[in-house]
N, C-alpha and C. Protein backbone atom coordinates (compact mmCIF):
# COMPACT_ATOMS: atom_id res chain seq x y z
N MET A 1 -14.13 -10.97 -7.07
CA MET A 1 -12.62 -10.66 -6.35
C MET A 1 -12.11 -11.25 -4.91
N SER A 2 -12.01 -11.87 -5.17
CA SER A 2 -11.74 -13.17 -3.92
C SER A 2 -9.49 -12.41 -3.68
N ASP A 3 -9.74 -12.78 -2.07
CA ASP A 3 -8.39 -12.39 -1.64
C ASP A 3 -7.26 -12.29 -2.45
N THR A 4 -7.58 -14.00 -2.90
CA THR A 4 -6.08 -14.78 -3.61
C THR A 4 -6.16 -14.27 -5.23
N ASP A 5 -7.13 -13.39 -5.45
CA ASP A 5 -6.94 -12.80 -6.67
C ASP A 5 -5.95 -12.01 -6.63
N ASN A 6 -6.56 -11.27 -5.36
CA ASN A 6 -5.58 -9.64 -5.45
C ASN A 6 -4.45 -9.81 -4.16
N ASN A 7 -4.37 -11.00 -4.37
CA ASN A 7 -2.32 -11.33 -3.40
C ASN A 7 -1.58 -11.58 -4.84
N ASN A 8 -2.65 -12.23 -6.16
CA ASN A 8 -1.83 -12.83 -7.30
C ASN A 8 -1.57 -11.45 -7.81
N GLU A 9 -2.12 -9.95 -7.74
CA GLU A 9 -2.60 -9.32 -8.57
C GLU A 9 -0.93 -8.12 -9.06
N ILE A 10 -0.93 -8.29 -7.67
CA ILE A 10 0.76 -7.59 -6.85
C ILE A 10 1.59 -8.14 -6.91
N ASP A 11 3.10 -7.55 -7.39
CA ASP A 11 4.57 -8.50 -7.09
C ASP A 11 4.70 -8.02 -6.02
N PHE A 12 5.28 -7.83 -4.75
CA PHE A 12 5.36 -7.41 -3.52
C PHE A 12 7.32 -6.72 -3.68
N LYS A 13 7.45 -7.87 -4.07
CA LYS A 13 9.17 -8.03 -4.02
C LYS A 13 9.50 -6.57 -4.59
N PRO A 14 9.20 -5.95 -5.18
CA PRO A 14 10.15 -4.51 -5.49
C PRO A 14 9.21 -2.89 -4.55
N PHE A 15 8.37 -3.55 -4.25
CA PHE A 15 8.16 -2.81 -2.40
C PHE A 15 9.03 -3.02 -1.60
N GLY A 16 9.12 -4.49 -1.74
CA GLY A 16 10.07 -5.36 -0.37
C GLY A 16 11.52 -4.67 -0.80
N GLU A 17 12.05 -4.23 -1.54
CA GLU A 17 13.02 -3.82 -2.30
C GLU A 17 13.06 -2.00 -2.63
N ALA A 18 11.80 -1.69 -2.64
CA ALA A 18 11.60 0.31 -2.27
C ALA A 18 11.88 0.51 -0.77
N ILE A 19 11.74 -0.62 0.16
CA ILE A 19 11.58 -0.27 1.62
C ILE A 19 13.24 -0.23 2.21
N LYS A 20 13.45 -2.00 1.69
CA LYS A 20 14.97 -1.43 1.86
C LYS A 20 16.21 -0.58 1.44
N GLU A 21 15.63 -0.30 0.29
CA GLU A 21 16.20 1.27 -0.54
C GLU A 21 16.59 1.94 0.72
N ALA A 22 15.00 2.66 0.62
CA ALA A 22 15.14 3.84 1.72
C ALA A 22 15.26 3.88 3.22
N ARG A 23 15.14 2.23 3.46
CA ARG A 23 15.94 2.62 4.82
C ARG A 23 17.11 2.44 4.42
N ILE A 24 17.88 1.94 4.04
CA ILE A 24 19.31 1.80 4.32
C ILE A 24 19.97 3.26 3.77
N ASN A 25 19.00 4.21 2.97
CA ASN A 25 19.06 5.64 2.38
C ASN A 25 19.36 6.50 3.70
N ARG A 26 18.36 5.94 4.65
CA ARG A 26 18.50 6.92 5.75
C ARG A 26 19.16 6.26 6.53
N GLY A 27 19.79 5.07 6.61
CA GLY A 27 20.75 4.42 7.75
C GLY A 27 20.24 3.95 9.01
N TRP A 28 19.26 3.01 8.79
CA TRP A 28 18.81 2.83 9.83
C TRP A 28 18.69 1.27 9.25
N THR A 29 18.81 0.70 11.02
CA THR A 29 19.25 -0.97 11.17
C THR A 29 17.30 -1.10 10.56
N ARG A 30 17.46 -2.75 10.49
CA ARG A 30 16.44 -3.88 10.12
C ARG A 30 15.55 -3.65 11.66
N GLU A 31 16.15 -3.38 12.78
CA GLU A 31 15.57 -3.00 14.00
C GLU A 31 14.86 -1.64 13.81
N TYR A 32 15.92 -0.86 14.01
CA TYR A 32 14.95 0.53 14.18
C TYR A 32 13.61 0.79 13.50
N ALA A 33 13.97 0.20 11.87
CA ALA A 33 12.87 0.18 10.97
C ALA A 33 11.41 -0.56 11.30
N ALA A 34 11.91 -1.64 11.64
CA ALA A 34 10.97 -2.88 12.42
C ALA A 34 10.63 -2.09 13.68
N GLU A 35 11.11 -1.19 14.29
CA GLU A 35 10.18 -0.67 15.58
C GLU A 35 9.11 -0.02 15.28
N ARG A 36 9.83 0.97 14.46
CA ARG A 36 9.01 2.13 14.36
C ARG A 36 7.57 1.39 12.82
N ALA A 37 8.10 0.50 12.34
CA ALA A 37 6.84 0.72 12.24
C ALA A 37 5.86 -0.54 12.51
N LYS A 38 6.11 -1.25 13.67
CA LYS A 38 5.77 -1.80 15.01
C LYS A 38 5.57 -3.43 14.32
N ILE A 39 6.62 -3.94 13.97
CA ILE A 39 6.79 -5.44 13.06
C ILE A 39 8.04 -6.06 13.44
N SER A 40 7.95 -6.63 13.37
CA SER A 40 9.43 -8.02 13.69
C SER A 40 10.41 -7.51 13.08
N LYS A 41 11.53 -7.55 13.17
CA LYS A 41 12.48 -7.67 12.38
C LYS A 41 11.89 -8.83 10.97
N GLU A 42 12.16 -10.09 11.77
CA GLU A 42 11.78 -11.06 10.81
C GLU A 42 10.65 -11.21 9.80
N TYR A 43 9.53 -9.87 10.14
CA TYR A 43 8.74 -9.64 9.32
C TYR A 43 10.01 -9.07 8.33
N LEU A 44 9.87 -8.20 8.69
CA LEU A 44 10.95 -7.15 7.51
C LEU A 44 11.88 -8.04 6.82
N ILE A 45 12.55 -8.29 7.60
CA ILE A 45 13.51 -9.11 6.54
C ILE A 45 12.47 -9.99 5.47
N LYS A 46 11.35 -10.27 5.62
CA LYS A 46 10.41 -11.39 5.00
C LYS A 46 9.87 -10.75 3.28
N ILE A 47 9.75 -8.79 3.57
CA ILE A 47 9.11 -8.50 2.84
C ILE A 47 9.73 -7.67 2.12
N GLU A 48 11.37 -7.64 2.83
CA GLU A 48 12.44 -6.76 2.07
C GLU A 48 13.12 -7.83 0.87
N ASN A 49 12.89 -9.12 1.52
CA ASN A 49 13.97 -9.98 0.56
C ASN A 49 12.97 -11.67 -0.04
N SER A 50 11.58 -11.50 0.25
CA SER A 50 10.74 -12.50 -0.17
C SER A 50 9.93 -12.24 -1.60
N GLY A 51 9.66 -10.42 -1.16
CA GLY A 51 8.82 -10.09 -1.46
C GLY A 51 6.56 -10.66 -0.54
N GLN A 52 7.49 -10.81 0.64
CA GLN A 52 6.27 -11.10 1.25
C GLN A 52 5.09 -9.85 0.83
N HIS A 53 4.12 -10.01 1.25
CA HIS A 53 2.95 -10.12 1.26
C HIS A 53 2.54 -8.86 1.96
N PRO A 54 2.88 -8.06 1.96
CA PRO A 54 2.21 -6.84 3.48
C PRO A 54 0.75 -6.44 3.59
N SER A 55 0.01 -6.57 4.73
CA SER A 55 -0.69 -5.70 4.60
C SER A 55 -1.23 -4.50 4.35
N ALA A 56 -2.52 -3.84 4.18
CA ALA A 56 -2.72 -2.44 3.42
C ALA A 56 -1.94 -1.56 5.21
N LYS A 57 -2.16 -2.30 6.04
CA LYS A 57 -2.01 -1.13 7.69
C LYS A 57 -0.73 -1.11 7.23
N ILE A 58 0.49 -2.60 6.93
CA ILE A 58 1.88 -2.44 6.88
C ILE A 58 2.22 -1.71 5.40
N ILE A 59 1.70 -1.42 4.44
CA ILE A 59 1.36 -1.12 3.56
C ILE A 59 1.74 1.39 3.83
N VAL A 60 1.02 0.89 4.50
CA VAL A 60 0.36 2.64 4.90
C VAL A 60 1.22 2.85 5.96
N ALA A 61 2.46 2.18 6.98
CA ALA A 61 2.77 2.45 8.11
C ALA A 61 3.87 3.23 7.49
N PHE A 62 4.58 1.77 6.32
CA PHE A 62 6.23 2.98 5.34
C PHE A 62 5.75 3.66 4.58
N LEU A 63 4.53 3.86 3.95
CA LEU A 63 4.01 5.25 3.10
C LEU A 63 4.36 6.23 4.29
N LYS A 64 3.85 6.73 5.54
CA LYS A 64 3.45 6.79 6.52
C LYS A 64 5.62 7.91 7.05
N LEU A 65 6.13 6.48 7.08
CA LEU A 65 7.69 6.39 8.04
C LEU A 65 8.17 7.21 6.71
N PHE A 66 8.12 6.71 5.20
CA PHE A 66 9.40 7.32 4.19
C PHE A 66 8.32 8.89 3.59
N GLY A 67 7.86 9.51 4.43
CA GLY A 67 7.18 10.82 4.09
C GLY A 67 6.52 9.85 3.00
N GLU A 68 6.02 11.82 2.23
CA GLU A 68 4.79 11.64 1.69
C GLU A 68 4.49 11.11 0.06
N LEU A 69 5.21 10.02 -0.43
CA LEU A 69 5.54 9.40 -1.78
C LEU A 69 4.70 8.32 -1.67
N SER A 70 3.96 8.87 -3.27
CA SER A 70 3.13 8.57 -4.08
C SER A 70 3.43 7.08 -4.56
N PHE A 71 2.22 6.17 -4.15
CA PHE A 71 2.23 4.90 -4.05
C PHE A 71 3.86 3.55 -4.82
N ASP A 72 3.45 4.65 -6.71
CA ASP A 72 3.47 4.49 -7.58
C ASP A 72 5.28 4.16 -7.10
N GLU A 73 6.47 5.33 -6.73
CA GLU A 73 6.98 5.45 -6.73
C GLU A 73 7.81 4.82 -5.66
N PHE A 74 6.58 4.47 -4.34
CA PHE A 74 7.11 3.24 -3.59
C PHE A 74 7.52 2.62 -3.44
N ALA A 75 6.24 1.97 -4.22
CA ALA A 75 6.34 0.62 -5.08
C ALA A 75 6.99 -0.31 -5.40
N ARG A 76 6.37 0.71 -6.62
CA ARG A 76 6.84 0.21 -8.16
C ARG A 76 6.10 -0.51 -8.74
N THR A 77 5.15 -1.18 -8.20
CA THR A 77 4.16 -2.21 -8.37
C THR A 77 3.23 -2.37 -9.54
N GLY A 78 3.97 -1.62 -10.72
CA GLY A 78 2.83 -1.99 -11.33
C GLY A 78 1.86 -0.60 -11.79
N TYR A 79 1.75 0.18 -10.89
CA TYR A 79 0.72 0.64 -11.39
C TYR A 79 1.49 2.43 -11.59
N LYS A 80 2.47 2.34 -12.49
CA LYS A 80 3.05 2.94 -13.03
C LYS A 80 2.37 3.99 -14.52
N GLU A 81 1.28 3.66 -14.26
CA GLU A 81 0.79 4.24 -16.08
C GLU A 81 -0.16 5.12 -15.54
N ASN A 82 -0.63 5.24 -14.26
CA ASN A 82 -1.24 6.24 -13.73
C ASN A 82 -0.58 7.44 -13.52
N GLU A 83 -1.02 8.03 -13.70
CA GLU A 83 0.38 9.54 -13.02
C GLU A 83 -0.08 9.99 -11.96
N TYR A 84 -1.05 9.51 -11.11
CA TYR A 84 -1.53 9.95 -9.46
C TYR A 84 -0.94 10.03 -8.29
N GLN A 85 -0.84 10.85 -8.12
CA GLN A 85 0.35 10.60 -6.98
C GLN A 85 -1.15 10.82 -5.42
N ILE A 86 -0.39 9.77 -4.86
CA ILE A 86 -1.71 9.22 -3.37
C ILE A 86 -1.26 9.47 -2.85
N THR A 87 -1.98 9.35 -1.59
CA THR A 87 -1.27 10.08 -0.20
C THR A 87 -0.91 8.48 0.44
N ALA A 88 -1.08 8.49 2.58
CA ALA A 88 -0.70 7.03 3.14
C ALA A 88 -2.53 6.82 2.87
N GLU A 89 -3.09 7.38 3.30
CA GLU A 89 -4.59 7.30 3.39
C GLU A 89 -4.95 7.12 2.16
N GLN A 90 -4.83 7.54 1.14
CA GLN A 90 -5.43 7.11 -0.16
C GLN A 90 -5.43 5.50 -0.60
N ALA A 91 -4.14 5.45 -0.46
CA ALA A 91 -2.98 4.09 -0.41
C ALA A 91 -3.86 2.78 0.29
N TYR A 92 -4.75 3.56 1.46
CA TYR A 92 -4.85 2.65 2.72
C TYR A 92 -6.43 2.14 2.25
N VAL A 93 -6.84 3.69 0.72
CA VAL A 93 -8.69 3.21 1.31
C VAL A 93 -8.79 2.51 -0.08
N PHE A 94 -7.49 2.67 -0.70
CA PHE A 94 -7.54 1.68 -2.69
C PHE A 94 -7.65 -0.39 -2.25
N GLU A 95 -6.45 -0.15 -0.90
CA GLU A 95 -6.94 -1.73 -0.61
C GLU A 95 -7.64 -2.26 -0.15
N ILE A 96 -9.05 -0.67 0.77
CA ILE A 96 -9.99 -1.99 1.13
C ILE A 96 -10.92 -2.21 0.12
N ILE A 97 -10.96 -0.82 -0.84
CA ILE A 97 -11.61 -1.26 -2.05
C ILE A 97 -10.69 -2.74 -3.14
N LYS A 98 -9.49 -2.51 -3.17
CA LYS A 98 -9.22 -3.42 -3.49
C LYS A 98 -9.62 -5.29 -2.98
N SER A 99 -10.27 -5.63 -2.06
CA SER A 99 -10.77 -6.22 -1.19
C SER A 99 -11.60 -6.63 -1.45
N MET A 100 -13.34 -5.15 -1.32
CA MET A 100 -14.27 -5.79 -1.41
C MET A 100 -14.97 -6.40 -2.51
N SER A 101 -15.52 -7.46 -2.37
CA SER A 101 -16.65 -7.93 -2.84
C SER A 101 -17.11 -7.52 -4.46
N GLU A 102 -17.43 -7.53 -5.43
CA GLU A 102 -18.34 -6.81 -6.76
C GLU A 102 -19.52 -5.68 -6.38
N GLU A 103 -20.14 -6.88 -5.12
CA GLU A 103 -21.60 -6.17 -4.56
C GLU A 103 -21.70 -5.09 -3.88
N LYS A 104 -20.43 -5.67 -2.51
CA LYS A 104 -19.68 -4.40 -1.72
C LYS A 104 -19.52 -3.05 -2.50
N PHE A 105 -18.82 -3.42 -3.54
CA PHE A 105 -17.96 -2.69 -4.51
C PHE A 105 -19.06 -1.50 -5.25
N HIS A 106 -20.21 -2.30 -5.35
CA HIS A 106 -21.36 -1.74 -6.24
C HIS A 106 -21.99 -1.00 -5.30
N ILE A 107 -22.14 -1.19 -3.25
CA ILE A 107 -22.69 -0.33 -3.19
C ILE A 107 -22.05 1.37 -2.55
N LEU A 108 -20.93 1.14 -2.74
CA LEU A 108 -20.04 1.95 -2.60
C LEU A 108 -20.05 3.54 -3.34
N LYS A 109 -19.96 2.51 -4.52
CA LYS A 109 -19.41 3.23 -5.91
C LYS A 109 -21.17 4.41 -6.11
N THR A 110 -22.16 3.43 -6.24
CA THR A 110 -23.82 4.21 -5.77
C THR A 110 -23.66 5.84 -5.38
N GLY A 111 -23.01 5.33 -3.53
CA GLY A 111 -23.33 5.96 -2.36
C GLY A 111 -22.08 7.48 -2.92
N LEU A 112 -20.80 6.91 -3.30
CA LEU A 112 -20.42 8.18 -3.91
C LEU A 112 -21.10 8.60 -5.05
N ILE A 113 -21.03 8.16 -5.90
CA ILE A 113 -21.40 8.84 -6.84
C ILE A 113 -22.85 9.80 -6.98
N ALA A 114 -24.28 9.23 -5.21
CA ALA A 114 -24.82 10.25 -5.26
C ALA A 114 -24.52 10.95 -4.44
N VAL A 115 -23.26 11.12 -3.45
CA VAL A 115 -22.66 12.06 -2.64
C VAL A 115 -21.88 13.05 -3.94
N GLU A 116 -21.45 12.39 -5.04
CA GLU A 116 -20.51 13.47 -5.91
C GLU A 116 -21.97 15.13 -6.22
N SER A 117 -22.63 13.90 -6.58
CA SER A 117 -23.97 15.25 -7.20
C SER A 117 -24.69 15.47 -6.49
N LEU A 118 -24.22 15.75 -4.98
CA LEU A 118 -24.78 16.71 -4.11
C LEU A 118 -23.98 17.90 -3.98
N ILE A 119 -22.76 17.20 -4.03
CA ILE A 119 -21.56 19.12 -3.95
C ILE A 119 -21.50 19.29 -5.46
N LYS A 120 -21.68 19.47 -6.40
CA LYS A 120 -21.32 19.40 -7.12
C LYS A 120 -23.10 20.60 -7.22
N GLU A 121 -24.05 20.39 -6.98
CA GLU A 121 -25.46 21.15 -6.96
C GLU A 121 -24.87 22.42 -6.21
């Protein structure tokens, strides 16, 4: 799984639209929202209007700014078919997992299965 493949899997335009909608609903200016997210106003404009692919750190920053929303509700990026509600931290972990090589993912998965079996005992 390459970074390029990950970037092409998700259309981030709905994410930008959701940020813009949440920002406007709160009466926030772009300057204020960008400052709170610790990004430039120009970068926020690209995210809101052009579907700029944000980093996992930026996604988490906006999830935290706009409260405990599910990633589905906030980003509307194709995850609607599952009904899981995830926290900002879970979204961050998900982004890390998505960027892993198959080998690293296999190692992580094997470790998690081992831990799960210990917890069940």
